């Protein structure tokens, strides 16, 4: 869609889209919200897209918001990819989850408990790592075992 096709009014489901854009435990929902908000050019949608572009924890969501803003003709710069923890204190969170499980627990049990207890962490890293997520999480889990 080019800039001239974007609609200037608010979408009828704007409040829903705004909630989806803020849903920290579902990067796919945030990405869908960006795609839909990107069809409506007005101050409110531009403000949401700018916030997502600057602060979303999943880089592909940031990139999508950046592309939509560019299509609107906004003068924006794509932020560089974050280094280190995508969510502050991730290592501590993972250590706590590991310690809460019985000794000798499996990687699958660890993964399942992380998904239940910290959906935001699970979802953010799953969105960022893509196909490498399981391998990354398993490597992290193994390294946490060595530290105990």
Protein backbone atom coordinates (compact mmCIF):
# COMPACT_ATOMS: atom_id res chain seq x y z
CA UNK A 1 0.00 0.00 0.00
CA UNK A 2 1.43 3.39 -0.85
CA UNK A 3 1.03 6.55 1.17
CA UNK A 4 -1.86 7.95 -0.84
CA UNK A 5 -3.99 4.89 -0.12
CA UNK A 6 -3.78 5.24 3.68
CA UNK A 7 -7.01 6.35 5.31
CA UNK A 8 -6.96 9.46 7.52
CA UNK A 9 -9.71 8.55 9.99
CA UNK A 10 -9.35 6.08 12.85
CA UNK A 11 -10.21 2.42 12.24
CA UNK A 12 -13.44 1.27 13.90
CA UNK A 13 -11.44 -1.25 15.96
CA UNK A 14 -8.83 1.35 17.05
CA UNK A 15 -9.13 0.63 20.80
CA UNK A 16 -8.72 -3.11 20.13
CA UNK A 17 -5.68 -2.46 17.94
CA UNK A 18 -4.20 -0.20 20.60
CA UNK A 19 -4.57 -3.02 23.17
CA UNK A 20 -3.03 -5.53 20.74
CA UNK A 21 -0.11 -3.16 20.09
CA UNK A 22 0.59 -3.17 23.84
CA UNK A 23 0.23 -6.91 24.43
CA UNK A 24 3.69 -7.80 25.80
CA UNK A 25 3.07 -11.53 25.80
CA UNK A 26 2.20 -11.84 22.11
CA UNK A 27 4.59 -10.44 19.50
CA UNK A 28 2.50 -11.86 16.63
CA UNK A 29 -0.51 -9.89 17.83
CA UNK A 30 1.63 -6.74 18.04
CA UNK A 31 2.93 -7.37 14.52
CA UNK A 32 -0.63 -7.79 13.19
CA UNK A 33 -1.65 -4.57 14.97
CA UNK A 34 1.25 -2.73 13.31
CA UNK A 35 0.19 -4.01 9.88
CA UNK A 36 -3.39 -2.89 10.43
CA UNK A 37 -2.53 0.46 12.07
CA UNK A 38 -0.26 1.11 9.11
CA UNK A 39 -3.32 1.43 6.89
CA UNK A 40 -4.62 4.46 8.83
CA UNK A 41 -2.54 7.64 8.69
CA UNK A 42 -3.36 9.99 11.57
CA UNK A 43 -1.68 11.32 14.71
CA UNK A 44 -2.89 8.51 16.99
CA UNK A 45 -1.75 5.65 14.76
CA UNK A 46 1.56 7.40 13.98
CA UNK A 47 2.19 7.88 17.74
CA UNK A 48 1.57 4.18 18.44
CA UNK A 49 3.77 3.10 15.51
CA UNK A 50 6.59 5.40 16.66
CA UNK A 51 6.43 4.01 20.20
CA UNK A 52 6.53 0.44 18.87
CA UNK A 53 9.38 1.27 16.50
CA UNK A 54 11.43 2.71 19.36
CA UNK A 55 10.62 0.37 22.22
CA UNK A 56 9.27 -3.02 21.12
CA UNK A 57 11.39 -5.90 22.44
CA UNK A 58 11.08 -7.91 19.19
CA UNK A 59 13.12 -6.41 16.36
CA UNK A 60 10.88 -7.65 13.53
CA UNK A 61 7.96 -5.75 15.13
CA UNK A 62 10.13 -2.63 15.36
CA UNK A 63 11.08 -3.03 11.68
CA UNK A 64 7.43 -3.40 10.62
CA UNK A 65 6.48 -0.19 12.47
CA UNK A 66 9.45 1.58 10.86
CA UNK A 67 8.33 0.48 7.37
CA UNK A 68 4.77 1.69 7.96
CA UNK A 69 6.00 5.07 9.21
CA UNK A 70 8.27 5.40 6.16
CA UNK A 71 5.28 4.63 3.91
CA UNK A 72 3.46 7.49 5.66
CA UNK A 73 6.38 9.78 4.75
CA UNK A 74 7.55 10.11 8.37
CA UNK A 75 11.20 11.07 8.92
CA UNK A 76 12.23 8.13 11.10
CA UNK A 77 15.39 6.12 11.71
CA UNK A 78 15.27 2.40 12.43
CA UNK A 79 16.77 1.78 15.89
CA UNK A 80 19.68 -0.63 16.00
CA UNK A 81 19.10 -4.14 17.27
CA UNK A 82 19.37 -4.44 21.06
CA UNK A 83 22.38 -6.18 22.53
CA UNK A 84 22.15 -8.28 25.68
CA UNK A 85 18.88 -9.03 27.49
CA UNK A 86 15.76 -8.16 25.51
CA UNK A 87 13.90 -8.00 28.82
CA UNK A 88 15.79 -6.64 31.81
CA UNK A 89 16.90 -9.36 34.21
CA UNK A 90 16.23 -12.29 31.87
CA UNK A 91 19.11 -14.37 33.27
CA UNK A 92 17.86 -13.91 36.85
CA UNK A 93 14.34 -14.85 35.76
CA UNK A 94 15.62 -18.02 34.07
CA UNK A 95 17.72 -18.96 37.12
CA UNK A 96 14.69 -18.52 39.41
CA UNK A 97 12.54 -20.73 37.18
CA UNK A 98 15.27 -23.35 37.02
CA UNK A 99 15.66 -23.35 40.82
CA UNK A 100 11.89 -23.71 41.27
CA UNK A 101 11.96 -27.03 39.41
CA UNK A 102 13.04 -30.32 41.01
CA UNK A 103 16.62 -31.45 40.52
CA UNK A 104 16.97 -33.57 37.38
CA UNK A 105 14.11 -31.82 35.57
CA UNK A 106 14.09 -31.94 31.78
CA UNK A 107 14.56 -29.11 29.32
CA UNK A 108 10.91 -29.54 28.26
CA UNK A 109 9.76 -29.04 31.88
CA UNK A 110 11.90 -25.90 32.12
CA UNK A 111 10.57 -24.56 28.81
CA UNK A 112 6.96 -25.27 29.84
CA UNK A 113 7.36 -23.54 33.22
CA UNK A 114 8.97 -20.49 31.59
CA UNK A 115 6.06 -20.28 29.16
CA UNK A 116 3.54 -20.47 32.02
CA UNK A 117 5.28 -18.18 34.52
CA UNK A 118 6.77 -15.55 32.22
CA UNK A 119 4.85 -15.53 28.97
CA UNK A 120 6.33 -12.12 28.16
CA UNK A 121 9.93 -13.41 28.34
CA UNK A 122 9.09 -16.62 26.46
CA UNK A 123 7.20 -14.79 23.72
CA UNK A 124 9.76 -12.00 23.28
CA UNK A 125 12.69 -14.38 22.85
CA UNK A 126 10.67 -16.76 20.70
CA UNK A 127 9.78 -13.83 18.43
CA UNK A 128 13.33 -12.54 18.31
CA UNK A 129 15.14 -15.88 17.89
CA UNK A 130 12.65 -17.44 15.48
CA UNK A 131 13.72 -20.93 14.39
CA UNK A 132 16.77 -20.74 16.71
CA UNK A 133 14.65 -20.24 19.85
CA UNK A 134 14.64 -23.85 21.12
CA UNK A 135 18.37 -24.20 20.58
CA UNK A 136 19.08 -20.88 22.30
CA UNK A 137 16.82 -21.73 25.25
CA UNK A 138 18.31 -25.20 25.64
CA UNK A 139 21.87 -23.82 25.50
CA UNK A 140 20.92 -21.23 28.11
CA UNK A 141 19.31 -23.90 30.31
CA UNK A 142 22.46 -26.06 30.07
CA UNK A 143 24.68 -23.10 30.98
CA UNK A 144 22.46 -22.34 34.00
CA UNK A 145 22.98 -25.94 35.19
CA UNK A 146 26.75 -25.45 35.19
CA UNK A 147 26.45 -22.34 37.37
CA UNK A 148 24.71 -24.14 40.23
